[in-house]
C-alpha cells in the first residue's frame, strides 16, 4: 500500500512537529515515540490541551495556515491533523484573490 508521496512527506512534517511539541512540553525522549497515521493524539501520544494548542500553533506557523478552535477540536489522530493541513492549504490556495 503505497501512499501519495506528497501526503507521505506531509505526514513526516506533521510527525516532526508533534515530536517537537511533545519534547518541549513533556521533556520526554521523542526518538522512541512511535507516531503512526492512526495514532490517537490523546491516548497514544498523551497530548494535553496546552500541548495541543502548541501543536496547532506550530502547524499554522510551519504551513502558513489558520486553524480555528473548532477545527482543531475535530482532530483526534495524526491523520486527522494531516488531513486538516491539506484542507487548509487547499482553502488557502483556492481562496487567494
N, C-alpha and C. Protein backbone atom coordinates (compact mmCIF):
# COMPACT_ATOMS: atom_id res chain seq x y z
N UNK A 1 0.86 -1.18 0.00
CA UNK A 1 0.00 0.00 0.00
C UNK A 1 0.90 1.22 0.00
N UNK A 2 1.12 1.77 -1.18
CA UNK A 2 1.95 2.96 -1.27
C UNK A 2 1.05 4.18 -1.33
N UNK A 3 1.38 5.16 -0.53
CA UNK A 3 0.56 6.36 -0.45
C UNK A 3 1.05 7.42 -1.41
N UNK A 4 0.36 8.52 -1.41
CA UNK A 4 0.74 9.68 -2.20
C UNK A 4 2.05 10.22 -1.62
N UNK A 5 3.10 10.36 -2.46
CA UNK A 5 4.39 10.84 -1.92
C UNK A 5 4.28 12.20 -1.23
N UNK A 6 3.46 13.09 -1.77
CA UNK A 6 3.27 14.39 -1.13
C UNK A 6 2.62 14.24 0.24
N UNK A 7 1.65 13.34 0.33
CA UNK A 7 0.98 13.11 1.61
C UNK A 7 1.92 12.44 2.60
N UNK A 8 2.79 11.55 2.10
CA UNK A 8 3.77 10.90 2.96
C UNK A 8 4.75 11.93 3.53
N UNK A 9 5.19 12.85 2.70
CA UNK A 9 6.10 13.92 3.15
C UNK A 9 5.39 14.82 4.16
N UNK A 10 4.13 15.11 3.90
CA UNK A 10 3.35 15.95 4.81
C UNK A 10 3.18 15.24 6.15
N UNK A 11 2.92 13.94 6.11
CA UNK A 11 2.81 13.18 7.36
C UNK A 11 4.10 13.29 8.16
N UNK A 12 5.24 13.16 7.48
CA UNK A 12 6.53 13.27 8.17
C UNK A 12 6.71 14.64 8.82
N UNK A 13 6.29 15.69 8.12
CA UNK A 13 6.40 17.04 8.69
C UNK A 13 5.50 17.19 9.91
N UNK A 14 4.26 16.69 9.81
CA UNK A 14 3.33 16.75 10.94
C UNK A 14 3.89 15.95 12.12
N UNK A 15 4.43 14.76 11.85
CA UNK A 15 5.01 13.93 12.91
C UNK A 15 6.18 14.64 13.58
N UNK A 16 7.02 15.31 12.79
CA UNK A 16 8.15 16.05 13.36
C UNK A 16 7.67 17.18 14.27
N UNK A 17 6.64 17.88 13.85
CA UNK A 17 6.07 18.96 14.67
C UNK A 17 5.52 18.39 15.97
N UNK A 18 4.82 17.26 15.88
CA UNK A 18 4.29 16.61 17.08
C UNK A 18 5.43 16.22 18.03
N UNK A 19 6.49 15.64 17.49
CA UNK A 19 7.62 15.24 18.32
C UNK A 19 8.24 16.43 19.03
N UNK A 20 8.42 17.53 18.29
CA UNK A 20 8.99 18.74 18.89
C UNK A 20 8.11 19.27 20.00
N UNK A 21 6.80 19.30 19.76
CA UNK A 21 5.88 19.83 20.77
C UNK A 21 5.85 18.95 22.01
N UNK A 22 5.83 17.64 21.80
CA UNK A 22 5.83 16.73 22.94
C UNK A 22 7.13 16.87 23.72
N UNK A 23 8.24 16.98 23.02
CA UNK A 23 9.53 17.14 23.69
C UNK A 23 9.59 18.44 24.47
N UNK A 24 9.14 19.54 23.86
CA UNK A 24 9.16 20.84 24.53
C UNK A 24 8.27 20.85 25.77
N UNK A 25 7.13 20.22 25.67
CA UNK A 25 6.15 20.29 26.76
C UNK A 25 6.45 19.26 27.85
N UNK A 26 6.80 18.06 27.46
CA UNK A 26 6.93 16.96 28.42
C UNK A 26 8.37 16.55 28.70
N UNK A 27 9.30 17.08 27.91
CA UNK A 27 10.73 16.76 28.09
C UNK A 27 10.97 15.25 28.07
N UNK A 28 10.24 14.55 27.20
CA UNK A 28 10.45 13.11 27.10
C UNK A 28 11.22 12.79 25.83
N UNK A 29 11.84 11.63 25.81
CA UNK A 29 12.63 11.21 24.66
C UNK A 29 11.67 10.88 23.51
N UNK A 30 11.65 11.75 22.52
CA UNK A 30 10.70 11.58 21.42
C UNK A 30 11.24 10.68 20.33
N UNK A 31 12.52 10.35 20.38
CA UNK A 31 13.07 9.46 19.35
C UNK A 31 12.43 8.09 19.44
N UNK A 32 12.01 7.69 20.63
CA UNK A 32 11.36 6.40 20.79
C UNK A 32 9.85 6.50 20.60
N UNK A 33 9.33 7.69 20.44
CA UNK A 33 7.90 7.90 20.27
C UNK A 33 7.50 7.44 18.87
N UNK A 34 6.63 6.44 18.82
CA UNK A 34 6.19 5.91 17.54
C UNK A 34 4.92 6.64 17.12
N UNK A 35 5.04 7.38 16.03
CA UNK A 35 3.91 8.15 15.53
C UNK A 35 3.46 7.53 14.22
N UNK A 36 2.22 7.08 14.22
CA UNK A 36 1.61 6.47 13.03
C UNK A 36 0.40 7.32 12.64
N UNK A 37 -0.06 7.19 11.40
CA UNK A 37 -1.24 7.96 10.99
C UNK A 37 -2.43 7.74 11.92
N UNK A 38 -2.60 6.52 12.41
CA UNK A 38 -3.76 6.21 13.24
C UNK A 38 -3.54 6.49 14.73
N UNK A 39 -2.35 6.99 15.09
CA UNK A 39 -2.07 7.29 16.49
C UNK A 39 -3.04 8.33 17.04
N UNK A 40 -3.63 8.01 18.17
CA UNK A 40 -4.52 8.94 18.84
C UNK A 40 -3.69 10.03 19.52
N UNK A 41 -4.10 11.27 19.31
CA UNK A 41 -3.37 12.39 19.90
C UNK A 41 -3.42 12.35 21.42
N UNK A 42 -4.51 11.88 21.96
CA UNK A 42 -4.68 11.85 23.42
C UNK A 42 -4.21 10.51 24.00
N UNK A 43 -4.75 9.40 23.48
CA UNK A 43 -4.47 8.09 24.07
C UNK A 43 -3.06 7.59 23.79
N UNK A 44 -2.59 7.74 22.55
CA UNK A 44 -1.28 7.21 22.19
C UNK A 44 -0.14 8.20 22.44
N UNK A 45 -0.38 9.47 22.14
CA UNK A 45 0.69 10.47 22.26
C UNK A 45 0.60 11.29 23.54
N UNK A 46 -0.49 11.09 24.28
CA UNK A 46 -0.66 11.72 25.59
C UNK A 46 -0.62 13.25 25.51
N UNK A 47 -1.24 13.81 24.46
CA UNK A 47 -1.28 15.27 24.33
C UNK A 47 -2.36 15.83 25.24
N UNK A 48 -2.00 16.82 26.04
CA UNK A 48 -2.99 17.53 26.84
C UNK A 48 -3.38 18.80 26.08
N UNK A 49 -4.32 19.54 26.61
CA UNK A 49 -4.82 20.74 25.91
C UNK A 49 -3.72 21.76 25.61
N UNK A 50 -2.86 22.11 26.58
CA UNK A 50 -1.82 23.08 26.26
C UNK A 50 -0.86 22.60 25.16
N UNK A 51 -0.53 21.31 25.17
CA UNK A 51 0.35 20.77 24.13
C UNK A 51 -0.35 20.80 22.78
N UNK A 52 -1.65 20.49 22.77
CA UNK A 52 -2.40 20.52 21.52
C UNK A 52 -2.43 21.94 20.95
N UNK A 53 -2.57 22.94 21.80
CA UNK A 53 -2.52 24.33 21.35
C UNK A 53 -1.16 24.61 20.71
N UNK A 54 -0.09 24.16 21.37
CA UNK A 54 1.25 24.33 20.81
C UNK A 54 1.37 23.68 19.44
N UNK A 55 0.84 22.47 19.31
CA UNK A 55 0.90 21.74 18.04
C UNK A 55 0.18 22.52 16.95
N UNK A 56 -1.02 23.00 17.25
CA UNK A 56 -1.80 23.75 16.25
C UNK A 56 -1.07 25.04 15.86
N UNK A 57 -0.52 25.74 16.84
CA UNK A 57 0.23 26.97 16.53
C UNK A 57 1.46 26.66 15.68
N UNK A 58 2.13 25.56 15.99
CA UNK A 58 3.30 25.17 15.19
C UNK A 58 2.89 24.78 13.77
N UNK A 59 1.77 24.08 13.64
CA UNK A 59 1.28 23.72 12.30
C UNK A 59 0.92 24.97 11.51
N UNK A 60 0.24 25.92 12.17
CA UNK A 60 -0.13 27.17 11.50
C UNK A 60 1.12 27.90 11.01
N UNK A 61 2.10 27.97 11.88
CA UNK A 61 3.34 28.67 11.56
C UNK A 61 4.10 27.98 10.43
N UNK A 62 4.25 26.69 10.55
CA UNK A 62 5.03 25.91 9.58
C UNK A 62 4.38 25.89 8.19
N UNK A 63 3.07 25.71 8.16
CA UNK A 63 2.37 25.56 6.88
C UNK A 63 1.69 26.85 6.41
N UNK A 64 1.82 27.93 7.18
CA UNK A 64 1.22 29.21 6.83
C UNK A 64 -0.29 29.06 6.60
N UNK A 65 -0.96 28.47 7.60
CA UNK A 65 -2.41 28.27 7.55
C UNK A 65 -3.02 28.85 8.82
N UNK A 66 -4.33 28.95 8.84
CA UNK A 66 -5.07 29.36 10.03
C UNK A 66 -6.06 28.26 10.37
N UNK A 67 -6.05 27.81 11.62
CA UNK A 67 -6.92 26.73 12.07
C UNK A 67 -7.79 27.28 13.20
N UNK A 68 -9.09 27.14 13.06
CA UNK A 68 -9.99 27.61 14.10
C UNK A 68 -10.00 26.63 15.28
N UNK A 69 -10.50 27.10 16.40
CA UNK A 69 -10.59 26.23 17.57
C UNK A 69 -11.47 25.02 17.29
N UNK A 70 -12.57 25.26 16.59
CA UNK A 70 -13.49 24.17 16.25
C UNK A 70 -12.80 23.13 15.37
N UNK A 71 -12.02 23.60 14.39
CA UNK A 71 -11.30 22.69 13.51
C UNK A 71 -10.27 21.88 14.30
N UNK A 72 -9.57 22.54 15.19
CA UNK A 72 -8.54 21.83 15.96
C UNK A 72 -9.17 20.79 16.87
N UNK A 73 -10.36 21.06 17.36
CA UNK A 73 -11.03 20.11 18.25
C UNK A 73 -11.57 18.89 17.51
N UNK A 74 -11.60 18.95 16.18
CA UNK A 74 -12.07 17.82 15.40
C UNK A 74 -10.94 16.86 15.03
N UNK A 75 -9.72 17.17 15.45
CA UNK A 75 -8.57 16.31 15.15
C UNK A 75 -8.33 15.36 16.32
N UNK A 76 -8.48 14.07 16.04
CA UNK A 76 -8.30 13.06 17.08
C UNK A 76 -7.08 12.17 16.84
N UNK A 77 -6.64 12.12 15.57
CA UNK A 77 -5.49 11.27 15.23
C UNK A 77 -4.46 12.10 14.46
N UNK A 78 -3.30 11.53 14.26
CA UNK A 78 -2.27 12.21 13.48
C UNK A 78 -2.76 12.39 12.05
N UNK A 79 -3.46 11.40 11.52
CA UNK A 79 -4.00 11.50 10.17
C UNK A 79 -5.02 12.65 10.09
N UNK A 80 -5.81 12.85 11.14
CA UNK A 80 -6.75 13.98 11.17
C UNK A 80 -6.00 15.30 11.04
N UNK A 81 -4.87 15.43 11.71
CA UNK A 81 -4.07 16.65 11.62
C UNK A 81 -3.55 16.85 10.20
N UNK A 82 -3.05 15.76 9.60
CA UNK A 82 -2.54 15.84 8.23
C UNK A 82 -3.66 16.26 7.28
N UNK A 83 -4.83 15.66 7.43
CA UNK A 83 -5.98 15.99 6.58
C UNK A 83 -6.40 17.44 6.78
N UNK A 84 -6.35 17.91 8.02
CA UNK A 84 -6.68 19.30 8.32
C UNK A 84 -5.72 20.24 7.62
N UNK A 85 -4.43 19.93 7.65
CA UNK A 85 -3.43 20.77 6.98
C UNK A 85 -3.70 20.79 5.47
N UNK A 86 -3.96 19.63 4.89
CA UNK A 86 -4.24 19.56 3.44
C UNK A 86 -5.45 20.42 3.10
N UNK A 87 -6.51 20.28 3.88
CA UNK A 87 -7.74 21.05 3.62
C UNK A 87 -7.49 22.55 3.74
N UNK A 88 -6.75 22.96 4.77
CA UNK A 88 -6.49 24.39 4.97
C UNK A 88 -5.60 24.93 3.86
N UNK A 89 -4.65 24.13 3.38
CA UNK A 89 -3.81 24.57 2.26
C UNK A 89 -4.64 24.71 0.99
N UNK A 90 -5.56 23.79 0.77
CA UNK A 90 -6.41 23.87 -0.42
C UNK A 90 -7.33 25.08 -0.33
N UNK A 91 -7.89 25.34 0.85
CA UNK A 91 -8.74 26.52 1.03
C UNK A 91 -7.94 27.79 0.79
N UNK A 92 -6.72 27.81 1.28
CA UNK A 92 -5.86 28.97 1.13
C UNK A 92 -5.53 29.20 -0.35
N UNK A 93 -5.24 28.13 -1.07
CA UNK A 93 -4.90 28.24 -2.49
C UNK A 93 -6.10 28.65 -3.34
N UNK A 94 -7.28 28.13 -3.00
CA UNK A 94 -8.45 28.45 -3.82
C UNK A 94 -9.06 29.79 -3.43
N UNK A 95 -8.78 30.26 -2.22
CA UNK A 95 -9.38 31.50 -1.75
C UNK A 95 -8.50 32.72 -1.90
N UNK A 96 -7.32 32.55 -2.47
CA UNK A 96 -6.43 33.71 -2.59
C UNK A 96 -6.84 34.56 -3.77
N UNK A 97 -7.12 35.80 -3.48
CA UNK A 97 -7.56 36.74 -4.52
C UNK A 97 -6.53 37.82 -4.69
